[in-house]
Amino acid sequence: MTLQTSQTPFDAKPPMAAAEAPVGKTDFALYAGVVASWSLSWYAIILQLGTVAPEVSLVWRFLLASA
């Protein structure tokens, strides 16, 4: 019985390492979206402190998040 070894095509390239993988426009857009949402959330918290009761602020944030 003979063992057959699998052969790769001559034009096949080795897989890229995670550090070498190119970052695409989609990756950048997702990153920018996360940064923007965290930034806007911080400003919303800062602007409501002292002017609105914490309970009211909490209710509004949950209502807006569920919409």
C-alpha atoms as a PDB file:
ATOM      1  CA  MET A   1       0.000   0.000   0.000  1.00  0.00           C
ATOM      2  CA  THR A   2       1.400   3.375  -0.968  1.00  0.00           C
ATOM      3  CA  LEU A   3       0.676   6.680   0.694  1.00  0.00           C
ATOM      4  CA  GLN A   4      -0.296   9.568  -1.496  1.00  0.00           C
ATOM      5  CA  THR A   5       0.812  13.014  -0.473  1.00  0.00           C
ATOM      6  CA  SER A   6      -1.316  15.969  -1.364  1.00  0.00           C
ATOM      7  CA  GLN A   7       0.356  18.426  -3.654  1.00  0.00           C
ATOM      8  CA  THR A   8      -0.387  22.112  -3.756  1.00  0.00           C
ATOM      9  CA  PRO A   9      -0.548  24.052  -7.011  1.00  0.00           C
ATOM     10  CA  PHE A  10       2.581  25.939  -7.940  1.00  0.00           C
ATOM     11  CA  ASP A  11       0.831  29.303  -7.703  1.00  0.00           C
ATOM     12  CA  ALA A  12      -0.499  28.704  -4.184  1.00  0.00           C
ATOM     13  CA  LYS A  13       0.746  31.151  -1.567  1.00  0.00           C
ATOM     14  CA  PRO A  14       1.230  30.333   2.100  1.00  0.00           C
ATOM     15  CA  PRO A  15      -1.497  31.707   4.382  1.00  0.00           C
ATOM     16  CA  MET A  16      -0.923  35.141   5.883  1.00  0.00           C
ATOM     17  CA  ALA A  17      -0.240  35.520   9.557  1.00  0.00           C
ATOM     18  CA  ALA A  18      -2.736  37.571  11.549  1.00  0.00           C
ATOM     19  CA  ALA A  19      -0.273  40.448  11.862  1.00  0.00           C
ATOM     20  CA  GLU A  20       0.205  40.565   8.084  1.00  0.00           C
ATOM     21  CA  ALA A  21      -3.484  40.579   7.189  1.00  0.00           C
ATOM     22  CA  PRO A  22      -4.468  43.804   5.445  1.00  0.00           C
ATOM     23  CA  VAL A  23      -6.937  46.104   7.149  1.00  0.00           C
ATOM     24  CA  GLY A  24      -9.769  46.970   4.815  1.00  0.00           C
ATOM     25  CA  LYS A  25     -12.218  49.828   4.627  1.00  0.00           C
ATOM     26  CA  THR A  26     -14.868  47.756   6.400  1.00  0.00           C
ATOM     27  CA  ASP A  27     -12.570  47.186   9.373  1.00  0.00           C
ATOM     28  CA  PHE A  28     -11.806  50.890   9.600  1.00  0.00           C
ATOM     29  CA  ALA A  29     -15.510  51.805   9.343  1.00  0.00           C
ATOM     30  CA  LEU A  30     -16.454  49.375  12.125  1.00  0.00           C
ATOM     31  CA  TYR A  31     -13.674  50.730  14.342  1.00  0.00           C
ATOM     32  CA  ALA A  32     -14.727  54.324  13.663  1.00  0.00           C
ATOM     33  CA  GLY A  33     -18.357  53.441  14.466  1.00  0.00           C
ATOM     34  CA  VAL A  34     -17.433  51.953  17.833  1.00  0.00           C
ATOM     35  CA  VAL A  35     -15.233  54.928  18.726  1.00  0.00           C
ATOM     36  CA  ALA A  36     -17.957  57.396  17.707  1.00  0.00           C
ATOM     37  CA  SER A  37     -20.684  55.620  19.671  1.00  0.00           C
ATOM     38  CA  TRP A  38     -18.555  55.450  22.820  1.00  0.00           C
ATOM     39  CA  SER A  39     -17.628  59.126  22.447  1.00  0.00           C
ATOM     40  CA  LEU A  40     -21.211  60.281  21.977  1.00  0.00           C
ATOM     41  CA  SER A  41     -22.356  58.183  24.917  1.00  0.00           C
ATOM     42  CA  TRP A  42     -19.761  59.866  27.124  1.00  0.00           C
ATOM     43  CA  TYR A  43     -20.958  63.333  26.122  1.00  0.00           C
ATOM     44  CA  ALA A  44     -24.568  62.348  26.785  1.00  0.00           C
ATOM     45  CA  ILE A  45     -23.668  61.222  30.300  1.00  0.00           C
ATOM     46  CA  ILE A  46     -21.662  64.374  31.043  1.00  0.00           C
ATOM     47  CA  LEU A  47     -24.370  66.723  29.744  1.00  0.00           C
ATOM     48  CA  GLN A  48     -27.112  65.073  31.812  1.00  0.00           C
ATOM     49  CA  LEU A  49     -25.263  64.987  35.112  1.00  0.00           C
ATOM     50  CA  GLY A  50     -26.794  67.406  37.583  1.00  0.00           C
ATOM     51  CA  THR A  51     -29.682  68.547  35.375  1.00  0.00           C
ATOM     52  CA  VAL A  52     -31.675  65.314  35.183  1.00  0.00           C
ATOM     53  CA  ALA A  53     -32.360  62.785  37.917  1.00  0.00           C
ATOM     54  CA  PRO A  54     -30.276  59.619  37.413  1.00  0.00           C
ATOM     55  CA  GLU A  55     -33.417  57.459  37.252  1.00  0.00           C
ATOM     56  CA  VAL A  56     -34.924  59.563  34.471  1.00  0.00           C
ATOM     57  CA  SER A  57     -31.657  59.498  32.569  1.00  0.00           C
ATOM     58  CA  LEU A  58     -31.505  55.723  32.916  1.00  0.00           C
ATOM     59  CA  VAL A  59     -35.059  55.275  31.615  1.00  0.00           C
ATOM     60  CA  TRP A  60     -34.406  57.530  28.617  1.00  0.00           C
ATOM     61  CA  ARG A  61     -31.187  55.725  27.738  1.00  0.00           C
ATOM     62  CA  PHE A  62     -32.876  52.315  27.844  1.00  0.00           C
ATOM     63  CA  LEU A  63     -35.824  53.571  25.794  1.00  0.00           C
ATOM     64  CA  LEU A  64     -33.547  55.051  23.152  1.00  0.00           C
ATOM     65  CA  ALA A  65     -31.399  51.923  23.058  1.00  0.00           C
ATOM     66  CA  SER A  66     -34.426  49.680  22.564  1.00  0.00           C
ATOM     67  CA  ALA A  67     -35.835  51.792  19.709  1.00  0.00           C
END
